[in-house]
Amino acid sequence: IGPVLADSISRGLRASTDLLNDLLLNHLTVDKGCAPKSASSTGSPFSGKNVVFTGELVDTPRADAQRIIESLGGVAQSSLTMATNILVIADAAGNTSKRAKAEKYRAKGASIKVWTEAQFHAAIGAVYA
């Protein structure tokens, strides 16, 4: 997914965030016919991955984002480590301490991908496509 499509998806999700979160967390039950396949068979980008969030997320409360990660086969970490696979930053230009730490770990050989919140939402959307 390119940056234009990711931005479009993010804007669409942002416009419906409260409704979607309410539906997902309080009102929907999952039927096997509409659930994503198991994380490993869908190619979920979070399957077996350690994911950390930094900054204040705009579209999704952090606790909800962490539950999504875990439901798709990933591990939501609170601290960045050499074992972290994905760092989701709330602001692409943000220079957070976790981002600086990720760059330090990458210089030491860690394979940490740095994603924007829009990229995070696009990856979630791809699992359900």
C-alpha atoms as a PDB file:
ATOM      1  CA  ILE A   1       0.000   0.000   0.000  1.00  0.00           C
ATOM      2  CA  GLY A   2       1.377   3.378  -0.934  1.00  0.00           C
ATOM      3  CA  PRO A   3       1.245   6.546   1.152  1.00  0.00           C
ATOM      4  CA  VAL A   4      -1.758   7.998  -0.722  1.00  0.00           C
ATOM      5  CA  LEU A   5      -3.927   4.921  -0.192  1.00  0.00           C
ATOM      6  CA  ALA A   6      -2.762   4.570   3.418  1.00  0.00           C
ATOM      7  CA  ASP A   7      -3.705   8.206   4.058  1.00  0.00           C
ATOM      8  CA  SER A   8      -7.115   7.702   2.453  1.00  0.00           C
ATOM      9  CA  ILE A   9      -7.801   4.618   4.569  1.00  0.00           C
ATOM     10  CA  SER A  10      -6.636   6.422   7.687  1.00  0.00           C
ATOM     11  CA  ARG A  11      -8.932   9.397   7.024  1.00  0.00           C
ATOM     12  CA  GLY A  12     -11.879   7.080   6.430  1.00  0.00           C
ATOM     13  CA  LEU A  13     -11.228   5.141   9.619  1.00  0.00           C
ATOM     14  CA  ARG A  14     -10.652   8.347  11.595  1.00  0.00           C
ATOM     15  CA  ALA A  15     -14.083   9.632  10.556  1.00  0.00           C
ATOM     16  CA  SER A  16     -15.713   6.500  11.992  1.00  0.00           C
ATOM     17  CA  THR A  17     -13.385   5.672  14.892  1.00  0.00           C
ATOM     18  CA  ASP A  18     -15.868   5.999  17.747  1.00  0.00           C
ATOM     19  CA  LEU A  19     -18.514   3.946  15.968  1.00  0.00           C
ATOM     20  CA  LEU A  20     -16.077   1.233  14.867  1.00  0.00           C
ATOM     21  CA  ASN A  21     -14.507   0.911  18.313  1.00  0.00           C
ATOM     22  CA  ASP A  22     -17.931   0.697  19.944  1.00  0.00           C
ATOM     23  CA  LEU A  23     -19.058  -1.977  17.488  1.00  0.00           C
ATOM     24  CA  LEU A  24     -15.856  -4.005  17.724  1.00  0.00           C
ATOM     25  CA  LEU A  25     -15.575  -3.915  21.485  1.00  0.00           C
ATOM     26  CA  ASN A  26     -19.187  -3.949  22.669  1.00  0.00           C
ATOM     27  CA  HIS A  27     -21.685  -5.099  20.087  1.00  0.00           C
ATOM     28  CA  LEU A  28     -20.266  -7.546  17.581  1.00  0.00           C
ATOM     29  CA  THR A  29     -19.847 -11.245  17.923  1.00  0.00           C
ATOM     30  CA  VAL A  30     -17.569 -12.958  15.479  1.00  0.00           C
ATOM     31  CA  ASP A  31     -18.924 -15.674  13.229  1.00  0.00           C
ATOM     32  CA  LYS A  32     -16.409 -18.006  11.578  1.00  0.00           C
ATOM     33  CA  GLY A  33     -17.782 -16.935   8.216  1.00  0.00           C
ATOM     34  CA  CYS A  34     -16.708 -13.306   8.690  1.00  0.00           C
ATOM     35  CA  ALA A  35     -13.685 -13.658  10.953  1.00  0.00           C
ATOM     36  CA  PRO A  36     -10.194 -13.323   9.579  1.00  0.00           C
ATOM     37  CA  LYS A  37      -8.453 -16.618   9.055  1.00  0.00           C
ATOM     38  CA  SER A  38      -5.933 -17.521  11.718  1.00  0.00           C
ATOM     39  CA  ALA A  39      -3.178 -14.923  11.861  1.00  0.00           C
ATOM     40  CA  SER A  40      -0.625 -17.312  10.406  1.00  0.00           C
ATOM     41  CA  SER A  41      -2.773 -18.301   7.431  1.00  0.00           C
ATOM     42  CA  THR A  42      -3.806 -14.735   6.575  1.00  0.00           C
ATOM     43  CA  GLY A  43      -0.266 -13.490   6.520  1.00  0.00           C
ATOM     44  CA  SER A  44      -1.060 -11.039   9.286  1.00  0.00           C
ATOM     45  CA  PRO A  45       1.828  -8.601   9.556  1.00  0.00           C
ATOM     46  CA  PHE A  46       1.535  -8.980  13.339  1.00  0.00           C
ATOM     47  CA  SER A  47       1.679 -12.780  13.576  1.00  0.00           C
ATOM     48  CA  GLY A  48       4.522 -13.642  15.944  1.00  0.00           C
ATOM     49  CA  LYS A  49       5.686 -10.006  16.023  1.00  0.00           C
ATOM     50  CA  ASN A  50       6.482  -7.781  18.988  1.00  0.00           C
ATOM     51  CA  VAL A  51       4.820  -4.375  18.554  1.00  0.00           C
ATOM     52  CA  VAL A  52       5.317  -1.143  20.526  1.00  0.00           C
ATOM     53  CA  PHE A  53       3.350   2.108  20.306  1.00  0.00           C
ATOM     54  CA  THR A  54       4.770   5.544  21.027  1.00  0.00           C
ATOM     55  CA  GLY A  55       3.094   8.930  21.253  1.00  0.00           C
ATOM     56  CA  GLU A  56      -0.613   9.622  21.576  1.00  0.00           C
ATOM     57  CA  LEU A  57      -2.473   7.719  18.887  1.00  0.00           C
ATOM     58  CA  VAL A  58      -5.070   9.837  17.095  1.00  0.00           C
ATOM     59  CA  ASP A  59      -7.439   7.227  15.682  1.00  0.00           C
ATOM     60  CA  THR A  60      -7.405   4.365  18.170  1.00  0.00           C
ATOM     61  CA  PRO A  61      -6.936   4.331  21.932  1.00  0.00           C
ATOM     62  CA  ARG A  62      -3.695   2.539  22.784  1.00  0.00           C
ATOM     63  CA  ALA A  63      -5.428  -0.217  24.778  1.00  0.00           C
ATOM     64  CA  ASP A  64      -7.652  -0.981  21.777  1.00  0.00           C
ATOM     65  CA  ALA A  65      -4.673  -1.013  19.412  1.00  0.00           C
ATOM     66  CA  GLN A  66      -2.868  -3.423  21.736  1.00  0.00           C
ATOM     67  CA  ARG A  67      -5.904  -5.746  21.820  1.00  0.00           C
ATOM     68  CA  ILE A  68      -6.009  -5.699  18.019  1.00  0.00           C
ATOM     69  CA  ILE A  69      -2.332  -6.679  17.846  1.00  0.00           C
ATOM     70  CA  GLU A  70      -2.903  -9.599  20.204  1.00  0.00           C
ATOM     71  CA  SER A  71      -6.033 -10.744  18.349  1.00  0.00           C
ATOM     72  CA  LEU A  72      -3.955 -10.926  15.152  1.00  0.00           C
ATOM     73  CA  GLY A  73      -1.245 -13.093  16.679  1.00  0.00           C
ATOM     74  CA  GLY A  74       1.185 -10.425  17.856  1.00  0.00           C
ATOM     75  CA  VAL A  75       2.551  -9.326  21.218  1.00  0.00           C
ATOM     76  CA  ALA A  76       1.919  -5.770  22.395  1.00  0.00           C
ATOM     77  CA  GLN A  77       5.020  -4.670  24.276  1.00  0.00           C
ATOM     78  CA  SER A  78       5.165  -1.646  26.561  1.00  0.00           C
ATOM     79  CA  SER A  79       8.927  -1.200  26.200  1.00  0.00           C
ATOM     80  CA  LEU A  80      11.116  -1.210  23.140  1.00  0.00           C
ATOM     81  CA  THR A  81      13.734  -3.985  23.104  1.00  0.00           C
ATOM     82  CA  MET A  82      16.087  -5.575  20.592  1.00  0.00           C
ATOM     83  CA  ALA A  83      13.310  -8.155  20.072  1.00  0.00           C
ATOM     84  CA  THR A  84      10.776  -5.518  18.957  1.00  0.00           C
ATOM     85  CA  ASN A  85       9.707  -5.943  15.334  1.00  0.00           C
ATOM     86  CA  ILE A  86       7.396  -2.965  14.756  1.00  0.00           C
ATOM     87  CA  LEU A  87       7.311   0.482  16.365  1.00  0.00           C
ATOM     88  CA  VAL A  88       4.118   2.405  15.611  1.00  0.00           C
ATOM     89  CA  ILE A  89       4.558   6.150  16.038  1.00  0.00           C
ATOM     90  CA  ALA A  90       1.650   8.545  16.374  1.00  0.00           C
ATOM     91  CA  ASP A  91       3.379  11.310  14.418  1.00  0.00           C
ATOM     92  CA  ALA A  92       5.648  10.438  11.483  1.00  0.00           C
ATOM     93  CA  ALA A  93       7.849  13.457  12.227  1.00  0.00           C
ATOM     94  CA  GLY A  94       7.826  12.846  15.972  1.00  0.00           C
ATOM     95  CA  ASN A  95      11.190  12.407  17.626  1.00  0.00           C
ATOM     96  CA  THR A  96      10.168  10.319  20.599  1.00  0.00           C
ATOM     97  CA  SER A  97      12.610   8.577  22.900  1.00  0.00           C
ATOM     98  CA  LYS A  98      11.326   5.208  21.650  1.00  0.00           C
ATOM     99  CA  ARG A  99      12.034   6.217  18.065  1.00  0.00           C
ATOM    100  CA  ALA A 100      15.575   7.259  19.016  1.00  0.00           C
ATOM    101  CA  LYS A 101      16.031   3.977  20.864  1.00  0.00           C
ATOM    102  CA  ALA A 102      14.763   2.053  17.820  1.00  0.00           C
ATOM    103  CA  GLU A 103      17.342   3.797  15.634  1.00  0.00           C
ATOM    104  CA  LYS A 104      20.066   2.869  18.125  1.00  0.00           C
ATOM    105  CA  TYR A 105      18.943  -0.774  18.113  1.00  0.00           C
ATOM    106  CA  ARG A 106      18.757  -0.796  14.316  1.00  0.00           C
ATOM    107  CA  ALA A 107      22.355   0.422  14.182  1.00  0.00           C
ATOM    108  CA  LYS A 108      23.220  -2.626  16.317  1.00  0.00           C
ATOM    109  CA  GLY A 109      21.475  -4.984  13.891  1.00  0.00           C
ATOM    110  CA  ALA A 110      17.898  -5.117  15.179  1.00  0.00           C
ATOM    111  CA  SER A 111      15.220  -5.372  12.514  1.00  0.00           C
ATOM    112  CA  ILE A 112      12.698  -2.834  13.812  1.00  0.00           C
ATOM    113  CA  LYS A 113      10.232  -1.413  11.303  1.00  0.00           C
ATOM    114  CA  VAL A 114       8.977   2.085  12.085  1.00  0.00           C
ATOM    115  CA  TRP A 115       5.355   2.612  11.029  1.00  0.00           C
ATOM    116  CA  THR A 116       3.016   5.576  11.157  1.00  0.00           C
ATOM    117  CA  GLU A 117      -0.431   5.178  12.654  1.00  0.00           C
ATOM    118  CA  ALA A 118      -1.856   5.256   9.103  1.00  0.00           C
ATOM    119  CA  GLN A 119       0.353   2.311   8.118  1.00  0.00           C
ATOM    120  CA  PHE A 120      -0.829   0.447  11.229  1.00  0.00           C
ATOM    121  CA  HIS A 121      -4.480   0.956  10.219  1.00  0.00           C
ATOM    122  CA  ALA A 122      -3.771  -0.039   6.623  1.00  0.00           C
ATOM    123  CA  ALA A 123      -2.164  -3.295   7.832  1.00  0.00           C
ATOM    124  CA  ILE A 124      -5.216  -4.070   9.979  1.00  0.00           C
ATOM    125  CA  GLY A 125      -7.514  -3.368   7.037  1.00  0.00           C
ATOM    126  CA  ALA A 126      -5.522  -5.732   4.813  1.00  0.00           C
ATOM    127  CA  VAL A 127      -6.168  -8.656   7.182  1.00  0.00           C
ATOM    128  CA  TYR A 128      -9.934  -8.221   6.779  1.00  0.00           C
ATOM    129  CA  ALA A 129      -9.889  -7.477   3.030  1.00  0.00           C
END
